[in-house]
Amino acid sequence: MNANVLFKPGDTVEASGVYTVMHDKYHLQNHDVTCVFGKPFPPCRGCGQRVRFRAKCLAQHIAYHDSFK
């Protein structure tokens, strides 16, 4: 996955991991969150659909790893 790709609310998380959240400049500073494969990126309660997500550190979710199924 290209680290420069930005995801928006409603997009599906393609890979579990840590994502940097970029809010509307008047709402909050950037911060990191954990997002899980297959779930949708959510809108922000403050800046709604203007929030964006960028992959920072990706990892396979344990539920989808062959050793732990």
PDB file of N, CA and C in Angstrom:
ATOM      1  N   MET A   1       0.849  -1.172   0.000  1.00  0.00           N
ATOM      2  CA  MET A   1       0.000   0.000   0.000  1.00  0.00           C
ATOM      3  C   MET A   1       0.897   1.238   0.000  1.00  0.00           C
ATOM      4  N   ASN A   2       0.552   2.202  -0.811  1.00  0.00           N
ATOM      5  CA  ASN A   2       1.292   3.450  -0.905  1.00  0.00           C
ATOM      6  C   ASN A   2       1.017   4.291   0.344  1.00  0.00           C
ATOM      7  N   ALA A   3       2.079   4.709   1.032  1.00  0.00           N
ATOM      8  CA  ALA A   3       1.929   5.477   2.273  1.00  0.00           C
ATOM      9  C   ALA A   3       1.388   6.883   2.036  1.00  0.00           C
ATOM     10  N   ASN A   4       1.362   7.336   0.792  1.00  0.00           N
ATOM     11  CA  ASN A   4       0.862   8.682   0.505  1.00  0.00           C
ATOM     12  C   ASN A   4      -0.630   8.706   0.205  1.00  0.00           C
ATOM     13  N   VAL A   5      -1.263   7.551   0.173  1.00  0.00           N
ATOM     14  CA  VAL A   5      -2.693   7.479  -0.123  1.00  0.00           C
ATOM     15  C   VAL A   5      -3.479   7.985   1.088  1.00  0.00           C
ATOM     16  N   LEU A   6      -4.439   8.856   0.828  1.00  0.00           N
ATOM     17  CA  LEU A   6      -5.326   9.340   1.885  1.00  0.00           C
ATOM     18  C   LEU A   6      -6.666   8.641   1.767  1.00  0.00           C
ATOM     19  N   PHE A   7      -7.195   8.221   2.913  1.00  0.00           N
ATOM     20  CA  PHE A   7      -8.505   7.587   2.964  1.00  0.00           C
ATOM     21  C   PHE A   7      -9.488   8.558   3.599  1.00  0.00           C
ATOM     22  N   LYS A   8     -10.742   8.451   3.212  1.00  0.00           N
ATOM     23  CA  LYS A   8     -11.784   9.324   3.738  1.00  0.00           C
ATOM     24  C   LYS A   8     -12.851   8.480   4.424  1.00  0.00           C
ATOM     25  N   PRO A   9     -13.711   9.115   5.208  1.00  0.00           N
ATOM     26  CA  PRO A   9     -14.789   8.372   5.859  1.00  0.00           C
ATOM     27  C   PRO A   9     -15.615   7.588   4.832  1.00  0.00           C
ATOM     28  N   GLY A  10     -15.909   6.347   5.189  1.00  0.00           N
ATOM     29  CA  GLY A  10     -16.665   5.463   4.299  1.00  0.00           C
ATOM     30  C   GLY A  10     -15.786   4.519   3.508  1.00  0.00           C
ATOM     31  N   ASP A  11     -14.503   4.890   3.287  1.00  0.00           N
ATOM     32  CA  ASP A  11     -13.575   3.964   2.632  1.00  0.00           C
ATOM     33  C   ASP A  11     -13.350   2.767   3.552  1.00  0.00           C
ATOM     34  N   THR A  12     -13.079   1.619   2.980  1.00  0.00           N
ATOM     35  CA  THR A  12     -12.817   0.413   3.766  1.00  0.00           C
ATOM     36  C   THR A  12     -11.335   0.319   4.093  1.00  0.00           C
ATOM     37  N   VAL A  13     -11.019  -0.012   5.334  1.00  0.00           N
ATOM     38  CA  VAL A  13      -9.632  -0.201   5.758  1.00  0.00           C
ATOM     39  C   VAL A  13      -9.077  -1.411   5.025  1.00  0.00           C
ATOM     40  N   GLU A  14      -8.032  -1.208   4.226  1.00  0.00           N
ATOM     41  CA  GLU A  14      -7.439  -2.277   3.413  1.00  0.00           C
ATOM     42  C   GLU A  14      -6.417  -3.096   4.179  1.00  0.00           C
ATOM     43  N   ALA A  15      -5.836  -2.518   5.236  1.00  0.00           N
ATOM     44  CA  ALA A  15      -4.842  -3.222   6.047  1.00  0.00           C
ATOM     45  C   ALA A  15      -4.905  -2.686   7.471  1.00  0.00           C
ATOM     46  N   SER A  16      -4.942  -3.585   8.446  1.00  0.00           N
ATOM     47  CA  SER A  16      -4.944  -3.165   9.843  1.00  0.00           C
ATOM     48  C   SER A  16      -3.636  -2.469  10.173  1.00  0.00           C
ATOM     49  N   GLY A  17      -3.693  -1.550  11.117  1.00  0.00           N
ATOM     50  CA  GLY A  17      -2.478  -0.887  11.552  1.00  0.00           C
ATOM     51  C   GLY A  17      -2.749   0.472  12.163  1.00  0.00           C
ATOM     52  N   VAL A  18      -1.676   1.226  12.317  1.00  0.00           N
ATOM     53  CA  VAL A  18      -1.752   2.569  12.869  1.00  0.00           C
ATOM     54  C   VAL A  18      -1.871   3.556  11.709  1.00  0.00           C
ATOM     55  N   TYR A  19      -2.816   4.459  11.824  1.00  0.00           N
ATOM     56  CA  TYR A  19      -3.066   5.484  10.816  1.00  0.00           C
ATOM     57  C   TYR A  19      -2.983   6.856  11.467  1.00  0.00           C
ATOM     58  N   THR A  20      -2.421   7.810  10.753  1.00  0.00           N
ATOM     59  CA  THR A  20      -2.422   9.192  11.199  1.00  0.00           C
ATOM     60  C   THR A  20      -3.726   9.827  10.743  1.00  0.00           C
ATOM     61  N   VAL A  21      -4.412  10.469  11.677  1.00  0.00           N
ATOM     62  CA  VAL A  21      -5.677  11.139  11.389  1.00  0.00           C
ATOM     63  C   VAL A  21      -5.397  12.622  11.185  1.00  0.00           C
ATOM     64  N   MET A  22      -5.893  13.155  10.076  1.00  0.00           N
ATOM     65  CA  MET A  22      -5.722  14.567   9.763  1.00  0.00           C
ATOM     66  C   MET A  22      -7.093  15.228   9.744  1.00  0.00           C
ATOM     67  N   HIS A  23      -7.353  16.041  10.774  1.00  0.00           N
ATOM     68  CA  HIS A  23      -8.633  16.714  10.924  1.00  0.00           C
ATOM     69  C   HIS A  23      -8.638  18.046  10.179  1.00  0.00           C
ATOM     70  N   ASP A  24      -9.824  18.624  10.076  1.00  0.00           N
ATOM     71  CA  ASP A  24      -9.961  19.996   9.606  1.00  0.00           C
ATOM     72  C   ASP A  24      -9.016  20.859  10.444  1.00  0.00           C
ATOM     73  N   LYS A  25      -8.330  21.785   9.818  1.00  0.00           N
ATOM     74  CA  LYS A  25      -7.304  22.562  10.531  1.00  0.00           C
ATOM     75  C   LYS A  25      -7.843  23.344  11.720  1.00  0.00           C
ATOM     76  N   TYR A  26      -9.150  23.561  11.784  1.00  0.00           N
ATOM     77  CA  TYR A  26      -9.740  24.303  12.896  1.00  0.00           C
ATOM     78  C   TYR A  26     -10.260  23.392  13.998  1.00  0.00           C
ATOM     79  N   HIS A  27     -10.149  22.068  13.806  1.00  0.00           N
ATOM     80  CA  HIS A  27     -10.721  21.145  14.787  1.00  0.00           C
ATOM     81  C   HIS A  27      -9.670  20.582  15.733  1.00  0.00           C
ATOM     82  N   LEU A  28      -8.813  19.699  15.252  1.00  0.00           N
ATOM     83  CA  LEU A  28      -7.807  19.045  16.097  1.00  0.00           C
ATOM     84  C   LEU A  28      -6.489  18.914  15.349  1.00  0.00           C
ATOM     85  N   GLN A  29      -5.412  18.742  16.101  1.00  0.00           N
ATOM     86  CA  GLN A  29      -4.124  18.434  15.499  1.00  0.00           C
ATOM     87  C   GLN A  29      -4.118  16.973  15.064  1.00  0.00           C
ATOM     88  N   ASN A  30      -3.177  16.625  14.182  1.00  0.00           N
ATOM     89  CA  ASN A  30      -3.029  15.234  13.748  1.00  0.00           C
ATOM     90  C   ASN A  30      -2.739  14.339  14.957  1.00  0.00           C
ATOM     91  N   HIS A  31      -3.231  13.110  14.884  1.00  0.00           N
ATOM     92  CA  HIS A  31      -2.947  12.121  15.926  1.00  0.00           C
ATOM     93  C   HIS A  31      -3.059  10.737  15.295  1.00  0.00           C
ATOM     94  N   ASP A  32      -2.600   9.728  16.005  1.00  0.00           N
ATOM     95  CA  ASP A  32      -2.609   8.357  15.488  1.00  0.00           C
ATOM     96  C   ASP A  32      -3.719   7.533  16.126  1.00  0.00           C
ATOM     97  N   VAL A  33      -4.252   6.604  15.319  1.00  0.00           N
ATOM     98  CA  VAL A  33      -5.286   5.672  15.787  1.00  0.00           C
ATOM     99  C   VAL A  33      -5.002   4.298  15.187  1.00  0.00           C
ATOM    100  N   THR A  34      -5.603   3.265  15.751  1.00  0.00           N
ATOM    101  CA  THR A  34      -5.533   1.924  15.195  1.00  0.00           C
ATOM    102  C   THR A  34      -6.814   1.670  14.399  1.00  0.00           C
ATOM    103  N   CYS A  35      -6.656   1.198  13.159  1.00  0.00           N
ATOM    104  CA  CYS A  35      -7.798   0.868  12.307  1.00  0.00           C
ATOM    105  C   CYS A  35      -7.707  -0.608  11.929  1.00  0.00           C
ATOM    106  N   VAL A  36      -8.864  -1.254  11.829  1.00  0.00           N
ATOM    107  CA  VAL A  36      -8.922  -2.704  11.614  1.00  0.00           C
ATOM    108  C   VAL A  36      -9.405  -3.033  10.200  1.00  0.00           C
ATOM    109  N   PHE A  37      -8.719  -3.966   9.562  1.00  0.00           N
ATOM    110  CA  PHE A  37      -9.040  -4.447   8.225  1.00  0.00           C
ATOM    111  C   PHE A  37     -10.529  -4.731   8.076  1.00  0.00           C
ATOM    112  N   GLY A  38     -11.094  -4.264   6.980  1.00  0.00           N
ATOM    113  CA  GLY A  38     -12.481  -4.556   6.648  1.00  0.00           C
ATOM    114  C   GLY A  38     -13.507  -3.592   7.229  1.00  0.00           C
ATOM    115  N   LYS A  39     -13.104  -2.807   8.203  1.00  0.00           N
ATOM    116  CA  LYS A  39     -14.023  -1.828   8.806  1.00  0.00           C
ATOM    117  C   LYS A  39     -13.974  -0.524   8.001  1.00  0.00           C
ATOM    118  N   PRO A  40     -15.034   0.263   8.038  1.00  0.00           N
ATOM    119  CA  PRO A  40     -14.992   1.558   7.347  1.00  0.00           C
ATOM    120  C   PRO A  40     -14.268   2.602   8.198  1.00  0.00           C
ATOM    121  N   PHE A  41     -13.569   3.523   7.523  1.00  0.00           N
ATOM    122  CA  PHE A  41     -13.031   4.683   8.223  1.00  0.00           C
ATOM    123  C   PHE A  41     -14.224   5.546   8.626  1.00  0.00           C
ATOM    124  N   PRO A  42     -14.285   5.991   9.878  1.00  0.00           N
ATOM    125  CA  PRO A  42     -15.457   6.752  10.340  1.00  0.00           C
ATOM    126  C   PRO A  42     -15.321   8.247  10.092  1.00  0.00           C
ATOM    127  N   PRO A  43     -16.450   8.941  10.062  1.00  0.00           N
ATOM    128  CA  PRO A  43     -16.386  10.405  10.048  1.00  0.00           C
ATOM    129  C   PRO A  43     -16.002  10.892  11.445  1.00  0.00           C
ATOM    130  N   CYS A  44     -15.560  12.108  11.536  1.00  0.00           N
ATOM    131  CA  CYS A  44     -15.220  12.721  12.820  1.00  0.00           C
ATOM    132  C   CYS A  44     -16.457  13.413  13.383  1.00  0.00           C
ATOM    133  N   ARG A  45     -16.632  13.356  14.692  1.00  0.00           N
ATOM    134  CA  ARG A  45     -17.772  14.036  15.313  1.00  0.00           C
ATOM    135  C   ARG A  45     -17.651  15.552  15.220  1.00  0.00           C
ATOM    136  N   GLY A  46     -16.423  16.053  15.021  1.00  0.00           N
ATOM    137  CA  GLY A  46     -16.215  17.497  14.955  1.00  0.00           C
ATOM    138  C   GLY A  46     -16.133  18.049  13.546  1.00  0.00           C
ATOM    139  N   CYS A  47     -15.366  17.375  12.679  1.00  0.00           N
ATOM    140  CA  CYS A  47     -15.168  17.912  11.323  1.00  0.00           C
ATOM    141  C   CYS A  47     -15.776  17.024  10.240  1.00  0.00           C
ATOM    142  N   GLY A  48     -16.538  16.023  10.675  1.00  0.00           N
ATOM    143  CA  GLY A  48     -17.339  15.222   9.748  1.00  0.00           C
ATOM    144  C   GLY A  48     -16.560  14.530   8.649  1.00  0.00           C
ATOM    145  N   GLN A  49     -16.972  14.753   7.413  1.00  0.00           N
ATOM    146  CA  GLN A  49     -16.396  14.085   6.240  1.00  0.00           C
ATOM    147  C   GLN A  49     -15.063  14.685   5.814  1.00  0.00           C
ATOM    148  N   ARG A  50     -14.631  15.769   6.436  1.00  0.00           N
ATOM    149  CA  ARG A  50     -13.371  16.420   6.034  1.00  0.00           C
ATOM    150  C   ARG A  50     -12.142  15.735   6.617  1.00  0.00           C
ATOM    151  N   VAL A  51     -12.317  14.804   7.560  1.00  0.00           N
ATOM    152  CA  VAL A  51     -11.189  14.095   8.157  1.00  0.00           C
ATOM    153  C   VAL A  51     -10.586  13.131   7.128  1.00  0.00           C
ATOM    154  N   ARG A  52      -9.257  12.928   7.216  1.00  0.00           N
ATOM    155  CA  ARG A  52      -8.546  12.002   6.323  1.00  0.00           C
ATOM    156  C   ARG A  52      -7.626  11.124   7.154  1.00  0.00           C
ATOM    157  N   PHE A  53      -7.277   9.950   6.599  1.00  0.00           N
ATOM    158  CA  PHE A  53      -6.450   8.957   7.271  1.00  0.00           C
ATOM    159  C   PHE A  53      -5.301   8.558   6.356  1.00  0.00           C
ATOM    160  N   ARG A  54      -4.088   8.440   6.923  1.00  0.00           N
ATOM    161  CA  ARG A  54      -2.915   8.007   6.159  1.00  0.00           C
ATOM    162  C   ARG A  54      -2.236   6.883   6.931  1.00  0.00           C
ATOM    163  N   ALA A  55      -1.923   5.788   6.242  1.00  0.00           N
ATOM    164  CA  ALA A  55      -1.260   4.641   6.872  1.00  0.00           C
ATOM    165  C   ALA A  55       0.106   5.049   7.412  1.00  0.00           C
ATOM    166  N   LYS A  56       0.400   4.617   8.623  1.00  0.00           N
ATOM    167  CA  LYS A  56       1.686   4.922   9.255  1.00  0.00           C
ATOM    168  C   LYS A  56       2.497   3.647   9.493  1.00  0.00           C
ATOM    169  N   CYS A  57       1.865   2.644  10.096  1.00  0.00           N
ATOM    170  CA  CYS A  57       2.536   1.374  10.393  1.00  0.00           C
ATOM    171  C   CYS A  57       1.499   0.262  10.265  1.00  0.00           C
ATOM    172  N   LEU A  58       1.617  -0.531   9.217  1.00  0.00           N
ATOM    173  CA  LEU A  58       0.614  -1.561   8.945  1.00  0.00           C
ATOM    174  C   LEU A  58       1.042  -2.915   9.497  1.00  0.00           C
ATOM    175  N   ALA A  59       0.054  -3.726   9.847  1.00  0.00           N
ATOM    176  CA  ALA A  59       0.304  -5.073  10.352  1.00  0.00           C
ATOM    177  C   ALA A  59      -0.909  -5.940  10.053  1.00  0.00           C
ATOM    178  N   GLN A  60      -0.675  -7.212   9.876  1.00  0.00           N
ATOM    179  CA  GLN A  60      -1.788  -8.121   9.634  1.00  0.00           C
ATOM    180  C   GLN A  60      -2.543  -8.354  10.940  1.00  0.00           C
ATOM    181  N   HIS A  61      -3.848  -8.258  10.894  1.00  0.00           N
ATOM    182  CA  HIS A  61      -4.675  -8.512  12.078  1.00  0.00           C
ATOM    183  C   HIS A  61      -4.545  -9.988  12.444  1.00  0.00           C
ATOM    184  N   ILE A  62      -4.408 -10.273  13.718  1.00  0.00           N
ATOM    185  CA  ILE A  62      -4.190 -11.646  14.168  1.00  0.00           C
ATOM    186  C   ILE A  62      -5.308 -12.594  13.749  1.00  0.00           C
ATOM    187  N   ALA A  63      -6.522 -12.095  13.652  1.00  0.00           N
ATOM    188  CA  ALA A  63      -7.654 -12.936  13.262  1.00  0.00           C
ATOM    189  C   ALA A  63      -7.534 -13.451  11.830  1.00  0.00           C
ATOM    190  N   TYR A  64      -6.693 -12.808  11.013  1.00  0.00           N
ATOM    191  CA  TYR A  64      -6.533 -13.216   9.619  1.00  0.00           C
ATOM    192  C   TYR A  64      -5.192 -13.891   9.363  1.00  0.00           C
ATOM    193  N   HIS A  65      -4.390 -14.117  10.416  1.00  0.00           N
ATOM    194  CA  HIS A  65      -3.094 -14.777  10.266  1.00  0.00           C
ATOM    195  C   HIS A  65      -3.299 -16.293  10.349  1.00  0.00           C
ATOM    196  N   ASP A  66      -2.718 -17.035   9.406  1.00  0.00           N
ATOM    197  CA  ASP A  66      -2.913 -18.490   9.327  1.00  0.00           C
ATOM    198  C   ASP A  66      -2.544 -19.227  10.619  1.00  0.00           C
ATOM    199  N   SER A  67      -1.568 -18.737  11.368  1.00  0.00           N
ATOM    200  CA  SER A  67      -1.137 -19.425  12.591  1.00  0.00           C
ATOM    201  C   SER A  67      -2.143 -19.297  13.723  1.00  0.00           C
ATOM    202  N   PHE A  68      -3.090 -18.372  13.604  1.00  0.00           N
ATOM    203  CA  PHE A  68      -4.006 -18.107  14.717  1.00  0.00           C
ATOM    204  C   PHE A  68      -5.475 -18.304  14.354  1.00  0.00           C
ATOM    205  N   LYS A  69      -5.758 -18.882  13.200  1.00  0.00           N
ATOM    206  CA  LYS A  69      -7.144 -19.107  12.808  1.00  0.00           C
ATOM    207  C   LYS A  69      -7.726 -20.276  13.558  1.00  0.00           C
TER     208      LYS A  69
END
